[in-house]
mmCIF file of all heavy atoms, coordinates in Angstrom:
data_MODEL
# 
_entry.id   MODEL 
# 
loop_
_atom_site.group_PDB 
_atom_site.id 
_atom_site.type_symbol 
_atom_site.label_atom_id 
_atom_site.label_alt_id 
_atom_site.label_comp_id 
_atom_site.label_asym_id 
_atom_site.label_entity_id 
_atom_site.label_seq_id 
_atom_site.pdbx_PDB_ins_code 
_atom_site.Cartn_x 
_atom_site.Cartn_y 
_atom_site.Cartn_z 
_atom_site.occupancy 
_atom_site.B_iso_or_equiv 
_atom_site.pdbx_formal_charge 
_atom_site.auth_seq_id 
_atom_site.auth_comp_id 
_atom_site.auth_asym_id 
_atom_site.auth_atom_id 
_atom_site.pdbx_PDB_model_num 
ATOM 1   N N   . GLU A 1 1  ? 49.132 91.947  78.598 1.00 0.00 ? 1  GLU A N   1 
ATOM 2   C CA  . GLU A 1 1  ? 48.506 93.253  78.247 1.00 0.00 ? 1  GLU A CA  1 
ATOM 3   C C   . GLU A 1 1  ? 49.055 94.379  79.055 1.00 0.00 ? 1  GLU A C   1 
ATOM 4   O O   . GLU A 1 1  ? 49.275 94.270  80.265 1.00 0.00 ? 1  GLU A O   1 
ATOM 5   C CB  . GLU A 1 1  ? 46.982 93.164  78.490 1.00 0.00 ? 1  GLU A CB  1 
ATOM 6   C CG  . GLU A 1 1  ? 46.254 94.503  78.121 1.00 0.00 ? 1  GLU A CG  1 
ATOM 7   C CD  . GLU A 1 1  ? 44.781 94.417  78.451 1.00 0.00 ? 1  GLU A CD  1 
ATOM 8   O OE1 . GLU A 1 1  ? 43.960 93.884  77.648 1.00 0.00 ? 1  GLU A OE1 1 
ATOM 9   O OE2 . GLU A 1 1  ? 44.405 94.898  79.542 1.00 0.00 ? 1  GLU A OE2 1 
ATOM 10  N N   . MET A 1 2  ? 49.347 95.465  78.355 1.00 0.00 ? 2  MET A N   1 
ATOM 11  C CA  . MET A 1 2  ? 49.674 96.745  79.037 1.00 0.00 ? 2  MET A CA  1 
ATOM 12  C C   . MET A 1 2  ? 48.558 97.684  78.825 1.00 0.00 ? 2  MET A C   1 
ATOM 13  O O   . MET A 1 2  ? 48.014 97.824  77.727 1.00 0.00 ? 2  MET A O   1 
ATOM 14  C CB  . MET A 1 2  ? 51.019 97.337  78.436 1.00 0.00 ? 2  MET A CB  1 
ATOM 15  C CG  . MET A 1 2  ? 51.350 98.740  79.001 1.00 0.00 ? 2  MET A CG  1 
ATOM 16  S SD  . MET A 1 2  ? 52.698 99.577  78.088 1.00 0.00 ? 2  MET A SD  1 
ATOM 17  C CE  . MET A 1 2  ? 54.083 98.605  78.550 1.00 0.00 ? 2  MET A CE  1 
ATOM 18  N N   . ARG A 1 3  ? 48.186 98.415  79.885 1.00 0.00 ? 3  ARG A N   1 
ATOM 19  C CA  . ARG A 1 3  ? 47.175 99.471  79.755 1.00 0.00 ? 3  ARG A CA  1 
ATOM 20  C C   . ARG A 1 3  ? 47.770 100.785 80.315 1.00 0.00 ? 3  ARG A C   1 
ATOM 21  O O   . ARG A 1 3  ? 48.381 100.748 81.396 1.00 0.00 ? 3  ARG A O   1 
ATOM 22  C CB  . ARG A 1 3  ? 45.889 99.115  80.480 1.00 0.00 ? 3  ARG A CB  1 
ATOM 23  C CG  . ARG A 1 3  ? 44.795 100.164 80.220 1.00 0.00 ? 3  ARG A CG  1 
ATOM 24  C CD  . ARG A 1 3  ? 43.459 99.753  80.875 1.00 0.00 ? 3  ARG A CD  1 
ATOM 25  N NE  . ARG A 1 3  ? 42.440 100.720 80.606 1.00 0.00 ? 3  ARG A NE  1 
ATOM 26  C CZ  . ARG A 1 3  ? 41.210 100.676 81.152 1.00 0.00 ? 3  ARG A CZ  1 
ATOM 27  N NH1 . ARG A 1 3  ? 40.899 99.698  81.933 1.00 0.00 ? 3  ARG A NH1 1 
ATOM 28  N NH2 . ARG A 1 3  ? 40.329 101.644 80.848 1.00 0.00 ? 3  ARG A NH2 1 
ATOM 29  N N   . VAL A 1 4  ? 47.562 101.864 79.641 1.00 0.00 ? 4  VAL A N   1 
ATOM 30  C CA  . VAL A 1 4  ? 48.099 103.163 80.056 1.00 0.00 ? 4  VAL A CA  1 
ATOM 31  C C   . VAL A 1 4  ? 46.929 104.144 80.132 1.00 0.00 ? 4  VAL A C   1 
ATOM 32  O O   . VAL A 1 4  ? 46.145 104.278 79.171 1.00 0.00 ? 4  VAL A O   1 
ATOM 33  C CB  . VAL A 1 4  ? 49.130 103.677 79.015 1.00 0.00 ? 4  VAL A CB  1 
ATOM 34  C CG1 . VAL A 1 4  ? 49.741 104.981 79.554 1.00 0.00 ? 4  VAL A CG1 1 
ATOM 35  C CG2 . VAL A 1 4  ? 50.229 102.647 78.761 1.00 0.00 ? 4  VAL A CG2 1 
ATOM 36  N N   . THR A 1 5  ? 46.804 104.798 81.322 1.00 0.00 ? 5  THR A N   1 
ATOM 37  C CA  . THR A 1 5  ? 45.736 105.739 81.527 1.00 0.00 ? 5  THR A CA  1 
ATOM 38  C C   . THR A 1 5  ? 46.322 107.008 82.131 1.00 0.00 ? 5  THR A C   1 
ATOM 39  O O   . THR A 1 5  ? 47.415 107.022 82.686 1.00 0.00 ? 5  THR A O   1 
ATOM 40  C CB  . THR A 1 5  ? 44.649 105.205 82.434 1.00 0.00 ? 5  THR A CB  1 
ATOM 41  O OG1 . THR A 1 5  ? 45.251 104.816 83.684 1.00 0.00 ? 5  THR A OG1 1 
ATOM 42  C CG2 . THR A 1 5  ? 43.961 103.960 81.833 1.00 0.00 ? 5  THR A CG2 1 
ATOM 43  N N   . SER A 1 6  ? 45.566 108.071 82.030 1.00 0.00 ? 6  SER A N   1 
ATOM 44  C CA  . SER A 1 6  ? 45.961 109.357 82.674 1.00 0.00 ? 6  SER A CA  1 
ATOM 45  C C   . SER A 1 6  ? 44.727 110.179 82.896 1.00 0.00 ? 6  SER A C   1 
ATOM 46  O O   . SER A 1 6  ? 43.696 110.042 82.271 1.00 0.00 ? 6  SER A O   1 
ATOM 47  C CB  . SER A 1 6  ? 46.950 110.099 81.773 1.00 0.00 ? 6  SER A CB  1 
ATOM 48  O OG  . SER A 1 6  ? 46.276 110.744 80.662 1.00 0.00 ? 6  SER A OG  1 
ATOM 49  N N   . ALA A 1 7  ? 44.841 111.145 83.835 1.00 0.00 ? 7  ALA A N   1 
ATOM 50  C CA  . ALA A 1 7  ? 43.795 112.083 84.146 1.00 0.00 ? 7  ALA A CA  1 
ATOM 51  C C   . ALA A 1 7  ? 43.468 112.960 82.918 1.00 0.00 ? 7  ALA A C   1 
ATOM 52  O O   . ALA A 1 7  ? 42.338 113.459 82.802 1.00 0.00 ? 7  ALA A O   1 
ATOM 53  C CB  . ALA A 1 7  ? 44.157 112.968 85.315 1.00 0.00 ? 7  ALA A CB  1 
ATOM 54  N N   . ALA A 1 8  ? 44.424 113.129 82.016 1.00 0.00 ? 8  ALA A N   1 
ATOM 55  C CA  . ALA A 1 8  ? 44.184 113.976 80.850 1.00 0.00 ? 8  ALA A CA  1 
ATOM 56  C C   . ALA A 1 8  ? 43.272 113.279 79.826 1.00 0.00 ? 8  ALA A C   1 
ATOM 57  O O   . ALA A 1 8  ? 42.769 113.932 78.893 1.00 0.00 ? 8  ALA A O   1 
ATOM 58  C CB  . ALA A 1 8  ? 45.511 114.375 80.210 1.00 0.00 ? 8  ALA A CB  1 
ATOM 59  N N   . GLY A 1 9  ? 43.128 111.944 79.949 1.00 0.00 ? 9  GLY A N   1 
ATOM 60  C CA  . GLY A 1 9  ? 42.225 111.250 79.021 1.00 0.00 ? 9  GLY A CA  1 
ATOM 61  C C   . GLY A 1 9  ? 42.837 110.077 78.298 1.00 0.00 ? 9  GLY A C   1 
ATOM 62  O O   . GLY A 1 9  ? 42.134 109.398 77.512 1.00 0.00 ? 9  GLY A O   1 
ATOM 63  N N   . THR A 1 10 ? 44.125 109.839 78.511 1.00 0.00 ? 10 THR A N   1 
ATOM 64  C CA  . THR A 1 10 ? 44.735 108.660 77.860 1.00 0.00 ? 10 THR A CA  1 
ATOM 65  C C   . THR A 1 10 ? 44.140 107.372 78.324 1.00 0.00 ? 10 THR A C   1 
ATOM 66  O O   . THR A 1 10 ? 43.878 107.180 79.520 1.00 0.00 ? 10 THR A O   1 
ATOM 67  C CB  . THR A 1 10 ? 46.273 108.633 78.188 1.00 0.00 ? 10 THR A CB  1 
ATOM 68  O OG1 . THR A 1 10 ? 46.878 109.767 77.615 1.00 0.00 ? 10 THR A OG1 1 
ATOM 69  C CG2 . THR A 1 10 ? 46.931 107.397 77.655 1.00 0.00 ? 10 THR A CG2 1 
ATOM 70  N N   . ASP A 1 11 ? 43.840 106.502 77.375 1.00 0.00 ? 11 ASP A N   1 
ATOM 71  C CA  . ASP A 1 11 ? 43.364 105.162 77.696 1.00 0.00 ? 11 ASP A CA  1 
ATOM 72  C C   . ASP A 1 11 ? 43.786 104.242 76.522 1.00 0.00 ? 11 ASP A C   1 
ATOM 73  O O   . ASP A 1 11 ? 43.098 104.134 75.536 1.00 0.00 ? 11 ASP A O   1 
ATOM 74  C CB  . ASP A 1 11 ? 41.882 105.076 77.890 1.00 0.00 ? 11 ASP A CB  1 
ATOM 75  C CG  . ASP A 1 11 ? 41.426 103.764 78.529 1.00 0.00 ? 11 ASP A CG  1 
ATOM 76  O OD1 . ASP A 1 11 ? 42.266 102.823 78.643 1.00 0.00 ? 11 ASP A OD1 1 
ATOM 77  O OD2 . ASP A 1 11 ? 40.264 103.636 78.930 1.00 0.00 ? 11 ASP A OD2 1 
ATOM 78  N N   . LEU A 1 12 ? 44.966 103.648 76.683 1.00 0.00 ? 12 LEU A N   1 
ATOM 79  C CA  . LEU A 1 12 ? 45.588 102.918 75.591 1.00 0.00 ? 12 LEU A CA  1 
ATOM 80  C C   . LEU A 1 12 ? 45.796 101.458 76.049 1.00 0.00 ? 12 LEU A C   1 
ATOM 81  O O   . LEU A 1 12 ? 46.251 101.210 77.168 1.00 0.00 ? 12 LEU A O   1 
ATOM 82  C CB  . LEU A 1 12 ? 46.969 103.518 75.275 1.00 0.00 ? 12 LEU A CB  1 
ATOM 83  C CG  . LEU A 1 12 ? 47.695 102.975 74.055 1.00 0.00 ? 12 LEU A CG  1 
ATOM 84  C CD1 . LEU A 1 12 ? 47.008 103.434 72.769 1.00 0.00 ? 12 LEU A CD1 1 
ATOM 85  C CD2 . LEU A 1 12 ? 49.162 103.400 74.054 1.00 0.00 ? 12 LEU A CD2 1 
ATOM 86  N N   . VAL A 1 13 ? 45.474 100.528 75.191 1.00 0.00 ? 13 VAL A N   1 
ATOM 87  C CA  . VAL A 1 13 ? 45.611 99.093  75.509 1.00 0.00 ? 13 VAL A CA  1 
ATOM 88  C C   . VAL A 1 13 ? 46.579 98.475  74.452 1.00 0.00 ? 13 VAL A C   1 
ATOM 89  O O   . VAL A 1 13 ? 46.409 98.642  73.261 1.00 0.00 ? 13 VAL A O   1 
ATOM 90  C CB  . VAL A 1 13 ? 44.282 98.338  75.493 1.00 0.00 ? 13 VAL A CB  1 
ATOM 91  C CG1 . VAL A 1 13 ? 44.513 96.878  75.763 1.00 0.00 ? 13 VAL A CG1 1 
ATOM 92  C CG2 . VAL A 1 13 ? 43.348 98.957  76.558 1.00 0.00 ? 13 VAL A CG2 1 
ATOM 93  N N   . ILE A 1 14 ? 47.592 97.748  74.966 1.00 0.00 ? 14 ILE A N   1 
ATOM 94  C CA  . ILE A 1 14 ? 48.576 97.113  74.100 1.00 0.00 ? 14 ILE A CA  1 
ATOM 95  C C   . ILE A 1 14 ? 48.610 95.618  74.381 1.00 0.00 ? 14 ILE A C   1 
ATOM 96  O O   . ILE A 1 14 ? 48.817 95.194  75.543 1.00 0.00 ? 14 ILE A O   1 
ATOM 97  C CB  . ILE A 1 14 ? 50.007 97.678  74.331 1.00 0.00 ? 14 ILE A CB  1 
ATOM 98  C CG1 . ILE A 1 14 ? 50.025 99.192  74.109 1.00 0.00 ? 14 ILE A CG1 1 
ATOM 99  C CG2 . ILE A 1 14 ? 51.005 96.983  73.415 1.00 0.00 ? 14 ILE A CG2 1 
ATOM 100 C CD1 . ILE A 1 14 ? 50.157 100.006 75.365 1.00 0.00 ? 14 ILE A CD1 1 
ATOM 101 N N   . ASP A 1 15 ? 48.395 94.834  73.398 1.00 0.00 ? 15 ASP A N   1 
ATOM 102 C CA  . ASP A 1 15 ? 48.513 93.358  73.483 1.00 0.00 ? 15 ASP A CA  1 
ATOM 103 C C   . ASP A 1 15 ? 49.980 92.998  73.391 1.00 0.00 ? 15 ASP A C   1 
ATOM 104 O O   . ASP A 1 15 ? 50.658 93.249  72.350 1.00 0.00 ? 15 ASP A O   1 
ATOM 105 C CB  . ASP A 1 15 ? 47.704 92.696  72.355 1.00 0.00 ? 15 ASP A CB  1 
ATOM 106 C CG  . ASP A 1 15 ? 47.767 91.157  72.455 1.00 0.00 ? 15 ASP A CG  1 
ATOM 107 O OD1 . ASP A 1 15 ? 48.550 90.635  73.272 1.00 0.00 ? 15 ASP A OD1 1 
ATOM 108 O OD2 . ASP A 1 15 ? 47.038 90.525  71.648 1.00 0.00 ? 15 ASP A OD2 1 
ATOM 109 N N   . LEU A 1 16 ? 50.532 92.466  74.498 1.00 0.00 ? 16 LEU A N   1 
ATOM 110 C CA  . LEU A 1 16 ? 51.989 92.183  74.568 1.00 0.00 ? 16 LEU A CA  1 
ATOM 111 C C   . LEU A 1 16 ? 52.291 90.733  74.195 1.00 0.00 ? 16 LEU A C   1 
ATOM 112 O O   . LEU A 1 16 ? 53.470 90.300  74.287 1.00 0.00 ? 16 LEU A O   1 
ATOM 113 C CB  . LEU A 1 16 ? 52.524 92.446  75.980 1.00 0.00 ? 16 LEU A CB  1 
ATOM 114 C CG  . LEU A 1 16 ? 52.486 93.899  76.429 1.00 0.00 ? 16 LEU A CG  1 
ATOM 115 C CD1 . LEU A 1 16 ? 53.008 94.013  77.843 1.00 0.00 ? 16 LEU A CD1 1 
ATOM 116 C CD2 . LEU A 1 16 ? 53.377 94.754  75.493 1.00 0.00 ? 16 LEU A CD2 1 
ATOM 117 N N   . THR A 1 17 ? 51.317 89.960  73.755 1.00 0.00 ? 17 THR A N   1 
ATOM 118 C CA  . THR A 1 17 ? 51.574 88.573  73.432 1.00 0.00 ? 17 THR A CA  1 
ATOM 119 C C   . THR A 1 17 ? 52.659 88.446  72.380 1.00 0.00 ? 17 THR A C   1 
ATOM 120 O O   . THR A 1 17 ? 52.569 89.002  71.292 1.00 0.00 ? 17 THR A O   1 
ATOM 121 C CB  . THR A 1 17 ? 50.294 87.903  72.867 1.00 0.00 ? 17 THR A CB  1 
ATOM 122 O OG1 . THR A 1 17 ? 49.231 88.082  73.839 1.00 0.00 ? 17 THR A OG1 1 
ATOM 123 C CG2 . THR A 1 17 ? 50.521 86.422  72.621 1.00 0.00 ? 17 THR A CG2 1 
ATOM 124 N N   . ASP A 1 18 ? 53.718 87.718  72.734 1.00 0.00 ? 18 ASP A N   1 
ATOM 125 C CA  . ASP A 1 18 ? 54.855 87.466  71.829 1.00 0.00 ? 18 ASP A CA  1 
ATOM 126 C C   . ASP A 1 18 ? 55.634 88.756  71.431 1.00 0.00 ? 18 ASP A C   1 
ATOM 127 O O   . ASP A 1 18 ? 56.454 88.726  70.508 1.00 0.00 ? 18 ASP A O   1 
ATOM 128 C CB  . ASP A 1 18 ? 54.412 86.790  70.562 1.00 0.00 ? 18 ASP A CB  1 
ATOM 129 C CG  . ASP A 1 18 ? 53.820 85.418  70.822 1.00 0.00 ? 18 ASP A CG  1 
ATOM 130 O OD1 . ASP A 1 18 ? 54.302 84.740  71.783 1.00 0.00 ? 18 ASP A OD1 1 
ATOM 131 O OD2 . ASP A 1 18 ? 52.894 85.011  70.144 1.00 0.00 ? 18 ASP A OD2 1 
ATOM 132 N N   . ALA A 1 19 ? 55.397 89.868  72.140 1.00 0.00 ? 19 ALA A N   1 
ATOM 133 C CA  . ALA A 1 19 ? 56.118 91.111  71.805 1.00 0.00 ? 19 ALA A CA  1 
ATOM 134 C C   . ALA A 1 19 ? 57.550 91.046  72.289 1.00 0.00 ? 19 ALA A C   1 
ATOM 135 O O   . ALA A 1 19 ? 57.773 90.696  73.494 1.00 0.00 ? 19 ALA A O   1 
ATOM 136 C CB  . ALA A 1 19 ? 55.408 92.324  72.423 1.00 0.00 ? 19 ALA A CB  1 
ATOM 137 N N   . PRO A 1 20 ? 58.544 91.270  71.453 1.00 0.00 ? 20 PRO A N   1 
ATOM 138 C CA  . PRO A 1 20 ? 59.918 91.343  71.931 1.00 0.00 ? 20 PRO A CA  1 
ATOM 139 C C   . PRO A 1 20 ? 60.074 92.461  72.935 1.00 0.00 ? 20 PRO A C   1 
ATOM 140 O O   . PRO A 1 20 ? 59.563 93.570  72.734 1.00 0.00 ? 20 PRO A O   1 
ATOM 141 C CB  . PRO A 1 20 ? 60.732 91.623  70.643 1.00 0.00 ? 20 PRO A CB  1 
ATOM 142 C CG  . PRO A 1 20 ? 59.840 91.193  69.529 1.00 0.00 ? 20 PRO A CG  1 
ATOM 143 C CD  . PRO A 1 20 ? 58.455 91.450  69.981 1.00 0.00 ? 20 PRO A CD  1 
ATOM 144 N N   . CYS A 1 21 ? 60.727 92.224  74.037 1.00 0.00 ? 21 CYS A N   1 
ATOM 145 C CA  . CYS A 1 21 ? 60.896 93.152  75.100 1.00 0.00 ? 21 CYS A CA  1 
ATOM 146 C C   . CYS A 1 21 ? 62.391 93.298  75.442 1.00 0.00 ? 21 CYS A C   1 
ATOM 147 O O   . CYS A 1 21 ? 63.175 92.328  75.347 1.00 0.00 ? 21 CYS A O   1 
ATOM 148 C CB  . CYS A 1 21 ? 60.128 92.741  76.345 1.00 0.00 ? 21 CYS A CB  1 
ATOM 149 S SG  . CYS A 1 21 ? 58.365 92.501  76.097 1.00 0.00 ? 21 CYS A SG  1 
ATOM 150 N N   . GLY A 1 22 ? 62.765 94.490  75.810 1.00 0.00 ? 22 GLY A N   1 
ATOM 151 C CA  . GLY A 1 22 ? 64.161 94.726  76.143 1.00 0.00 ? 22 GLY A CA  1 
ATOM 152 C C   . GLY A 1 22 ? 64.315 96.052  76.883 1.00 0.00 ? 22 GLY A C   1 
ATOM 153 O O   . GLY A 1 22 ? 63.397 96.591  77.455 1.00 0.00 ? 22 GLY A O   1 
ATOM 154 N N   . GLY A 1 23 ? 65.540 96.515  76.825 1.00 0.00 ? 23 GLY A N   1 
ATOM 155 C CA  . GLY A 1 23 ? 65.889 97.778  77.539 1.00 0.00 ? 23 GLY A CA  1 
ATOM 156 C C   . GLY A 1 23 ? 67.323 97.722  77.938 1.00 0.00 ? 23 GLY A C   1 
ATOM 157 O O   . GLY A 1 23 ? 68.063 96.774  77.580 1.00 0.00 ? 23 GLY A O   1 
ATOM 158 N N   . THR A 1 24 ? 67.735 98.678  78.692 1.00 0.00 ? 24 THR A N   1 
ATOM 159 C CA  . THR A 1 24 ? 69.131 98.739  79.119 1.00 0.00 ? 24 THR A CA  1 
ATOM 160 C C   . THR A 1 24 ? 69.288 99.642  80.310 1.00 0.00 ? 24 THR A C   1 
ATOM 161 O O   . THR A 1 24 ? 68.649 100.672 80.400 1.00 0.00 ? 24 THR A O   1 
ATOM 162 C CB  . THR A 1 24 ? 70.067 99.259  77.994 1.00 0.00 ? 24 THR A CB  1 
ATOM 163 O OG1 . THR A 1 24 ? 71.379 99.363  78.516 1.00 0.00 ? 24 THR A OG1 1 
ATOM 164 C CG2 . THR A 1 24 ? 69.585 100.585 77.497 1.00 0.00 ? 24 THR A CG2 1 
ATOM 165 N N   . PRO A 1 25 ? 70.151 99.197  81.288 1.00 0.00 ? 25 PRO A N   1 
ATOM 166 C CA  . PRO A 1 25 ? 70.497 100.099 82.381 1.00 0.00 ? 25 PRO A CA  1 
ATOM 167 C C   . PRO A 1 25 ? 71.651 101.056 81.997 1.00 0.00 ? 25 PRO A C   1 
ATOM 168 O O   . PRO A 1 25 ? 72.072 101.857 82.816 1.00 0.00 ? 25 PRO A O   1 
ATOM 169 C CB  . PRO A 1 25 ? 70.916 99.133  83.498 1.00 0.00 ? 25 PRO A CB  1 
ATOM 170 C CG  . PRO A 1 25 ? 71.488 98.006  82.767 1.00 0.00 ? 25 PRO A CG  1 
ATOM 171 C CD  . PRO A 1 25 ? 70.662 97.866  81.488 1.00 0.00 ? 25 PRO A CD  1 
ATOM 172 N N   . GLY A 1 26 ? 72.183 100.866 80.764 1.00 0.00 ? 26 GLY A N   1 
ATOM 173 C CA  . GLY A 1 26 ? 73.298 101.674 80.312 1.00 0.00 ? 26 GLY A CA  1 
ATOM 174 C C   . GLY A 1 26 ? 74.583 100.859 80.233 1.00 0.00 ? 26 GLY A C   1 
ATOM 175 O O   . GLY A 1 26 ? 75.648 101.402 79.987 1.00 0.00 ? 26 GLY A O   1 
ATOM 176 N N   . PHE A 1 27 ? 74.503 99.550  80.445 1.00 0.00 ? 27 PHE A N   1 
ATOM 177 C CA  . PHE A 1 27 ? 75.673 98.714  80.333 1.00 0.00 ? 27 PHE A CA  1 
ATOM 178 C C   . PHE A 1 27 ? 75.281 97.258  80.018 1.00 0.00 ? 27 PHE A C   1 
ATOM 179 O O   . PHE A 1 27 ? 74.141 96.859  80.235 1.00 0.00 ? 27 PHE A O   1 
ATOM 180 C CB  . PHE A 1 27 ? 76.489 98.746  81.642 1.00 0.00 ? 27 PHE A CB  1 
ATOM 181 C CG  . PHE A 1 27 ? 75.696 98.413  82.864 1.00 0.00 ? 27 PHE A CG  1 
ATOM 182 C CD1 . PHE A 1 27 ? 75.596 97.091  83.290 1.00 0.00 ? 27 PHE A CD1 1 
ATOM 183 C CD2 . PHE A 1 27 ? 75.130 99.382  83.612 1.00 0.00 ? 27 PHE A CD2 1 
ATOM 184 C CE1 . PHE A 1 27 ? 74.899 96.746  84.421 1.00 0.00 ? 27 PHE A CE1 1 
ATOM 185 C CE2 . PHE A 1 27 ? 74.382 99.099  84.795 1.00 0.00 ? 27 PHE A CE2 1 
ATOM 186 C CZ  . PHE A 1 27 ? 74.274 97.775  85.189 1.00 0.00 ? 27 PHE A CZ  1 
ATOM 187 N N   . GLY A 1 28 ? 76.253 96.551  79.429 1.00 0.00 ? 28 GLY A N   1 
ATOM 188 C CA  . GLY A 1 28 ? 76.045 95.138  79.095 1.00 0.00 ? 28 GLY A CA  1 
ATOM 189 C C   . GLY A 1 28 ? 77.400 94.543  78.794 1.00 0.00 ? 28 GLY A C   1 
ATOM 190 O O   . GLY A 1 28 ? 78.267 95.218  78.259 1.00 0.00 ? 28 GLY A O   1 
ATOM 191 N N   . THR A 1 29 ? 77.611 93.277  79.168 1.00 0.00 ? 29 THR A N   1 
ATOM 192 C CA  . THR A 1 29 ? 78.900 92.655  79.004 1.00 0.00 ? 29 THR A CA  1 
ATOM 193 C C   . THR A 1 29 ? 78.866 91.345  78.217 1.00 0.00 ? 29 THR A C   1 
ATOM 194 O O   . THR A 1 29 ? 79.892 90.725  77.987 1.00 0.00 ? 29 THR A O   1 
ATOM 195 C CB  . THR A 1 29 ? 79.529 92.362  80.406 1.00 0.00 ? 29 THR A CB  1 
ATOM 196 O OG1 . THR A 1 29 ? 78.668 91.513  81.139 1.00 0.00 ? 29 THR A OG1 1 
ATOM 197 C CG2 . THR A 1 29 ? 79.800 93.670  81.142 1.00 0.00 ? 29 THR A CG2 1 
# 
């Protein structure tokens, strides 16, 4: 689970079960 909150009022919950995850530092070989 990911939860995102903020002083402005954000309160978001994300179920990450089996969610594909990725990203990049700007390179890959």
